[in-house]
N, C-alpha and C. Protein backbone atom coordinates (compact mmCIF):
# COMPACT_ATOMS: atom_id res chain seq x y z
N MET A 1 0.86 -1.06 0.00
CA MET A 1 0.21 0.03 0.06
C MET A 1 0.85 1.32 -0.04
N SER A 2 0.41 2.41 -0.69
CA SER A 2 1.23 3.39 -0.81
C SER A 2 0.83 4.59 0.16
N LYS A 3 1.82 5.30 0.55
CA LYS A 3 1.80 6.24 1.68
C LYS A 3 0.92 7.40 1.23
N LEU A 4 -0.28 7.74 2.06
CA LEU A 4 -1.08 8.72 1.94
C LEU A 4 -0.28 10.19 1.92
N LEU A 5 -0.50 11.03 1.11
CA LEU A 5 0.01 12.33 1.01
C LEU A 5 -1.41 13.20 1.40
N ALA A 6 -1.23 14.02 2.17
CA ALA A 6 -2.17 15.01 2.53
C ALA A 6 -1.77 16.27 3.30
N GLY A 7 -2.58 17.26 3.46
CA GLY A 7 -2.09 18.73 3.87
C GLY A 7 -3.39 19.39 3.79
N HIS A 8 -2.82 20.79 4.22
CA HIS A 8 -3.89 21.74 4.09
C HIS A 8 -3.21 23.00 3.31
N LEU A 9 -3.64 23.35 2.11
CA LEU A 9 -3.14 24.34 1.46
C LEU A 9 -2.94 25.65 1.92
N LEU A 10 -3.65 26.16 2.92
CA LEU A 10 -3.87 27.38 3.48
C LEU A 10 -2.87 27.36 4.69
N ASP A 11 -2.27 26.40 5.24
CA ASP A 11 -1.73 26.50 6.52
C ASP A 11 -0.22 26.32 6.27
N ALA A 12 0.78 26.41 7.28
CA ALA A 12 2.15 26.36 7.56
C ALA A 12 2.95 27.26 6.53
N ILE A 13 2.34 28.49 6.70
CA ILE A 13 3.20 29.42 5.81
C ILE A 13 3.84 30.24 6.91
N PRO A 14 5.05 30.55 6.37
CA PRO A 14 6.29 31.28 7.30
C PRO A 14 5.85 32.79 7.47
N ALA A 15 5.82 33.23 8.71
CA ALA A 15 5.54 34.55 9.05
C ALA A 15 6.47 35.50 8.02
N SER A 16 7.75 35.26 7.98
CA SER A 16 8.46 36.07 7.03
C SER A 16 8.84 35.27 5.95
N LEU A 17 8.50 36.07 4.47
CA LEU A 17 8.73 35.43 3.25
C LEU A 17 9.39 36.28 2.27
N PRO A 18 10.75 36.28 2.44
CA PRO A 18 11.49 37.25 1.52
C PRO A 18 11.56 36.68 0.10
N GLU A 19 11.25 35.38 -0.01
CA GLU A 19 11.12 35.01 -1.52
C GLU A 19 9.83 34.20 -1.67
N GLU A 20 9.33 33.96 -2.65
CA GLU A 20 8.11 33.24 -2.79
C GLU A 20 8.38 31.98 -2.49
N LEU A 21 7.36 31.34 -1.77
CA LEU A 21 7.52 29.68 -1.42
C LEU A 21 7.04 29.00 -2.32
N ILE A 22 7.79 27.90 -2.83
CA ILE A 22 7.46 27.11 -3.67
C ILE A 22 7.59 25.73 -3.13
N GLU A 23 6.34 24.92 -2.95
CA GLU A 23 6.60 23.46 -2.66
C GLU A 23 6.04 22.53 -3.41
N VAL A 24 6.72 21.65 -4.07
CA VAL A 24 6.41 20.54 -4.59
C VAL A 24 5.28 19.52 -3.74
N LEU A 25 4.14 19.38 -4.04
CA LEU A 25 3.16 18.60 -3.25
C LEU A 25 3.33 17.13 -4.08
N VAL A 26 3.42 16.82 -5.05
CA VAL A 26 3.04 15.82 -5.79
C VAL A 26 4.13 15.78 -7.13
N ARG A 27 4.73 14.65 -7.25
CA ARG A 27 5.51 14.52 -8.63
C ARG A 27 5.35 13.10 -9.20
N THR A 28 4.83 13.00 -10.32
CA THR A 28 4.78 11.76 -11.09
C THR A 28 5.52 11.93 -12.31
N PRO A 29 5.65 10.85 -13.05
CA PRO A 29 6.34 10.89 -14.42
C PRO A 29 5.49 11.82 -15.23
N GLY A 30 5.53 12.79 -15.89
CA GLY A 30 4.86 13.70 -16.65
C GLY A 30 4.10 14.85 -16.13
N ALA A 31 4.00 14.91 -14.71
CA ALA A 31 3.22 15.72 -13.92
C ALA A 31 3.79 16.15 -12.69
N ARG A 32 3.52 17.61 -12.14
CA ARG A 32 4.12 18.00 -10.82
C ARG A 32 2.80 18.91 -10.44
N VAL A 33 2.74 18.80 -8.88
CA VAL A 33 1.63 19.69 -8.57
C VAL A 33 2.56 20.57 -7.38
N GLU A 34 2.38 21.97 -7.47
CA GLU A 34 3.05 22.74 -6.63
C GLU A 34 2.07 23.80 -5.66
N ARG A 35 2.58 24.03 -4.52
CA ARG A 35 1.79 25.21 -3.98
C ARG A 35 2.87 26.46 -4.02
N ILE A 36 2.46 27.42 -4.44
CA ILE A 36 3.32 28.46 -4.62
C ILE A 36 2.64 29.75 -3.54
N VAL A 37 3.42 30.37 -2.64
CA VAL A 37 2.83 31.40 -1.68
C VAL A 37 3.61 32.79 -2.13
N SER A 38 2.75 33.63 -2.36
CA SER A 38 3.32 35.02 -2.89
C SER A 38 2.96 36.17 -1.80
N ARG A 39 3.71 36.96 -1.39
CA ARG A 39 3.11 38.08 -0.45
C ARG A 39 4.12 39.38 -1.00
N GLY A 40 3.25 39.96 -1.97
CA GLY A 40 3.84 41.16 -3.05
C GLY A 40 5.07 40.76 -3.88
N HIS A 41 5.17 39.44 -4.20
CA HIS A 41 6.32 39.16 -4.95
C HIS A 41 5.50 39.24 -6.51
N ALA A 42 6.61 39.63 -7.38
CA ALA A 42 6.26 39.52 -8.77
C ALA A 42 7.26 39.08 -9.65
N SER A 43 7.11 38.75 -11.06
CA SER A 43 8.34 38.55 -11.82
C SER A 43 9.26 39.70 -11.92
N PRO A 44 10.58 39.42 -12.13
CA PRO A 44 11.48 40.77 -12.53
C PRO A 44 11.00 41.32 -13.60
N PRO A 45 11.14 42.66 -13.47
CA PRO A 45 10.92 43.27 -14.66
C PRO A 45 11.61 42.82 -16.26
N GLY A 46 10.62 42.88 -17.31
CA GLY A 46 11.18 42.13 -18.57
C GLY A 46 11.56 40.65 -18.40
N PHE A 47 11.19 39.87 -17.18
CA PHE A 47 11.25 38.62 -17.33
C PHE A 47 9.75 38.00 -17.81
N TRP A 48 9.95 36.94 -18.57
CA TRP A 48 8.60 36.08 -18.96
C TRP A 48 8.90 34.74 -18.89
N TYR A 49 7.99 34.09 -18.28
CA TYR A 49 8.25 32.41 -18.34
C TYR A 49 7.77 31.97 -19.68
N ASP A 50 8.72 31.04 -19.96
CA ASP A 50 8.21 30.31 -21.29
C ASP A 50 8.72 28.68 -21.20
N GLN A 51 7.74 28.17 -20.70
CA GLN A 51 7.97 26.83 -20.12
C GLN A 51 7.66 25.75 -21.22
N ASP A 52 8.50 24.54 -20.87
CA ASP A 52 8.34 23.42 -21.88
C ASP A 52 7.05 22.49 -21.50
N GLU A 53 6.36 22.95 -20.22
CA GLU A 53 5.31 22.14 -19.79
C GLU A 53 4.15 23.00 -19.81
N HIS A 54 2.61 22.29 -20.09
CA HIS A 54 1.43 22.87 -19.85
C HIS A 54 1.30 23.22 -18.41
N GLU A 55 0.77 24.28 -18.18
CA GLU A 55 0.36 24.56 -16.58
C GLU A 55 -1.01 25.08 -16.32
N LEU A 56 -1.75 24.48 -15.47
CA LEU A 56 -3.17 24.93 -14.92
C LEU A 56 -2.70 25.64 -13.36
N VAL A 57 -2.99 26.90 -13.28
CA VAL A 57 -2.56 27.65 -12.19
C VAL A 57 -4.12 28.33 -11.59
N ALA A 58 -4.26 28.03 -10.38
CA ALA A 58 -5.43 28.62 -9.79
C ALA A 58 -5.04 29.37 -8.51
N VAL A 59 -5.83 30.48 -8.28
CA VAL A 59 -5.46 31.22 -7.10
C VAL A 59 -6.46 30.70 -6.07
N LEU A 60 -6.03 30.51 -4.79
CA LEU A 60 -6.70 29.85 -3.92
C LEU A 60 -7.16 30.74 -2.65
N ALA A 61 -6.47 31.85 -2.76
CA ALA A 61 -6.27 33.12 -1.60
C ALA A 61 -5.60 34.08 -2.09
N GLY A 62 -6.07 35.32 -1.81
CA GLY A 62 -5.22 36.47 -2.10
C GLY A 62 -5.55 37.15 -3.59
N GLU A 63 -4.63 37.88 -4.30
CA GLU A 63 -5.11 38.12 -5.57
C GLU A 63 -3.73 38.44 -6.16
N ALA A 64 -3.97 38.40 -7.57
CA ALA A 64 -2.69 38.47 -8.36
C ALA A 64 -3.12 39.06 -9.64
N ARG A 65 -2.06 39.65 -10.41
CA ARG A 65 -2.18 39.94 -11.74
C ARG A 65 -1.25 39.26 -12.70
N LEU A 66 -1.76 38.65 -13.81
CA LEU A 66 -0.98 37.75 -14.64
C LEU A 66 -0.98 38.17 -16.08
N GLU A 67 0.13 38.71 -16.33
CA GLU A 67 0.19 39.27 -17.93
C GLU A 67 0.68 38.08 -18.78
N LEU A 68 -0.24 37.93 -19.80
CA LEU A 68 0.11 37.06 -21.18
C LEU A 68 0.25 38.17 -22.08
N GLU A 69 1.03 37.63 -23.12
CA GLU A 69 1.17 38.74 -24.21
C GLU A 69 0.00 38.97 -24.84
N GLY A 70 -0.32 40.41 -24.72
CA GLY A 70 -1.37 41.02 -25.15
C GLY A 70 -2.77 40.94 -24.27
N GLU A 71 -2.43 40.56 -23.10
CA GLU A 71 -3.68 40.50 -22.30
C GLU A 71 -3.22 40.34 -20.74
N THR A 72 -4.06 40.97 -19.94
CA THR A 72 -3.58 40.95 -18.49
C THR A 72 -4.93 40.44 -17.58
N ARG A 73 -4.67 39.45 -16.81
CA ARG A 73 -5.83 38.90 -16.01
C ARG A 73 -5.61 39.40 -14.66
N THR A 74 -6.58 39.84 -14.02
CA THR A 74 -6.56 39.84 -12.53
C THR A 74 -7.30 38.65 -11.97
N LEU A 75 -6.57 37.85 -10.93
CA LEU A 75 -6.92 36.64 -10.34
C LEU A 75 -7.26 36.77 -9.06
N GLY A 76 -8.40 36.29 -8.54
CA GLY A 76 -8.74 35.86 -7.06
C GLY A 76 -9.23 34.67 -6.81
N PRO A 77 -9.54 34.41 -5.55
CA PRO A 77 -9.72 33.11 -4.98
C PRO A 77 -10.80 32.40 -6.16
N GLY A 78 -10.39 31.22 -6.43
CA GLY A 78 -11.35 30.38 -7.31
C GLY A 78 -10.95 30.45 -8.73
N ASP A 79 -10.31 31.40 -9.22
CA ASP A 79 -10.00 31.91 -10.49
C ASP A 79 -8.69 30.96 -10.99
N TRP A 80 -8.72 30.48 -12.31
CA TRP A 80 -7.72 29.77 -12.68
C TRP A 80 -7.65 29.88 -14.39
N VAL A 81 -6.49 29.53 -14.40
CA VAL A 81 -5.94 29.77 -16.15
C VAL A 81 -5.22 28.75 -16.49
N TRP A 82 -5.30 28.21 -17.64
CA TRP A 82 -4.73 27.16 -18.39
C TRP A 82 -3.57 27.71 -19.46
N LEU A 83 -2.44 27.46 -19.41
CA LEU A 83 -1.45 27.99 -19.92
C LEU A 83 -0.78 27.06 -20.82
N GLU A 84 -0.87 26.80 -22.05
CA GLU A 84 -0.12 25.95 -22.92
C GLU A 84 1.22 26.08 -22.73
N ALA A 85 1.98 25.02 -23.19
CA ALA A 85 3.56 25.07 -23.14
C ALA A 85 3.92 26.35 -24.15
N HIS A 86 5.03 27.05 -23.66
CA HIS A 86 5.58 28.27 -24.34
C HIS A 86 4.78 29.15 -24.38
N ARG A 87 3.52 29.28 -23.71
CA ARG A 87 2.72 30.54 -23.63
C ARG A 87 3.31 31.49 -22.70
N ARG A 88 3.86 32.53 -23.22
CA ARG A 88 4.81 33.33 -22.51
C ARG A 88 3.89 34.09 -21.52
N HIS A 89 4.22 34.41 -20.12
CA HIS A 89 3.44 34.82 -19.12
C HIS A 89 4.21 35.45 -17.95
N ARG A 90 3.84 36.20 -17.14
CA ARG A 90 4.81 36.63 -15.99
C ARG A 90 3.61 37.22 -14.84
N VAL A 91 4.22 37.13 -13.81
CA VAL A 91 3.21 37.57 -12.66
C VAL A 91 3.58 39.12 -12.40
N ALA A 92 2.70 40.06 -12.87
CA ALA A 92 3.00 41.39 -12.68
C ALA A 92 2.63 41.78 -11.18
N TRP A 93 1.95 41.36 -10.21
CA TRP A 93 1.69 42.09 -9.21
C TRP A 93 1.06 40.75 -8.43
N THR A 94 1.27 40.75 -7.08
CA THR A 94 0.29 40.05 -5.93
C THR A 94 0.27 40.86 -5.01
N THR A 95 -0.79 40.66 -3.89
CA THR A 95 -1.04 41.36 -2.72
C THR A 95 -0.16 41.49 -2.01
N PRO A 96 0.57 42.89 -1.56
CA PRO A 96 1.66 42.99 -0.72
C PRO A 96 1.36 42.72 0.80
N ASP A 97 -0.13 42.78 1.15
CA ASP A 97 -0.48 42.70 2.51
C ASP A 97 -1.29 41.26 2.91
N GLU A 98 -1.38 40.40 2.09
CA GLU A 98 -1.86 39.14 2.67
C GLU A 98 -1.22 38.04 1.48
N ASP A 99 -1.29 36.91 1.90
CA ASP A 99 -0.81 35.99 1.02
C ASP A 99 -1.57 35.52 -0.04
N THR A 100 -0.86 35.36 -1.38
CA THR A 100 -1.58 34.76 -2.46
C THR A 100 -1.31 33.50 -2.77
N ILE A 101 -2.14 32.59 -2.58
CA ILE A 101 -1.57 31.31 -2.45
C ILE A 101 -2.10 30.42 -3.82
N TRP A 102 -1.21 29.92 -4.62
CA TRP A 102 -1.49 29.41 -5.86
C TRP A 102 -1.48 27.74 -5.78
N LEU A 103 -2.09 27.29 -6.54
CA LEU A 103 -1.98 25.91 -6.87
C LEU A 103 -1.72 25.56 -8.31
N ALA A 104 -0.41 25.10 -8.66
CA ALA A 104 0.08 25.19 -9.97
C ALA A 104 0.20 23.68 -10.46
N VAL A 105 -0.45 23.19 -11.42
CA VAL A 105 -0.49 21.77 -11.98
C VAL A 105 0.48 21.82 -13.29
N PHE A 106 1.58 21.34 -13.42
CA PHE A 106 2.22 21.15 -14.55
C PHE A 106 2.33 19.62 -15.27
N LEU A 107 2.12 19.84 -16.58
CA LEU A 107 1.92 18.56 -17.43
C LEU A 107 2.79 18.47 -18.34
N GLU A 108 3.65 17.47 -18.61
CA GLU A 108 4.45 17.54 -19.54
C GLU A 108 3.60 17.71 -21.08
N ALA A 109 4.52 18.23 -22.01
CA ALA A 109 3.84 18.64 -23.02
C ALA A 109 4.44 17.55 -24.13
N ALA A 110 3.37 16.95 -24.79
CA ALA A 110 3.66 16.00 -25.90
C ALA A 110 4.76 16.63 -26.86
N PRO A 111 5.71 15.70 -27.25
CA PRO A 111 6.84 16.18 -28.12
C PRO A 111 6.12 16.57 -29.39
N GLU A 112 6.76 17.47 -30.24
CA GLU A 112 6.29 17.88 -31.53
C GLU A 112 6.79 17.12 -32.53
N ALA A 113 6.10 16.71 -33.45
CA ALA A 113 6.55 15.91 -34.49
C ALA A 113 7.41 16.48 -35.42
C-alpha cells in the first residue's frame, strides 16, 4: 500500500517570506503539483516564463495580476488559467499585505512531430 499524502493548502506559511515559497506537493512521471505562496512578489521586470510544460494555475487566496502577451488578467480566489506550453506569461503583481496562494499543476507537453 502506498503512503497517503495529505495536507492543508492554506496552512504552514512562514511569517517572513522574503522569497516566494514554492513547494512540490506531488511529482509523478509527466506531472508536478506545486503550492506557491506570494506576498507582494512579482516576476522581475522584463522576465517572461516560457515553459516546456503545460500549466494550470489557480488562485486559492489573495489576488494577483497575470500578464500574458497581449492580455492582463486579475485573478482572485477560485480563478484559474490554463497555459499551454510556451505561452509566455509573467506575474505582474500579488497582494503585498496578504498571502496569494496558488495551486499550479504542470503537465508534460507532448513532443512535437
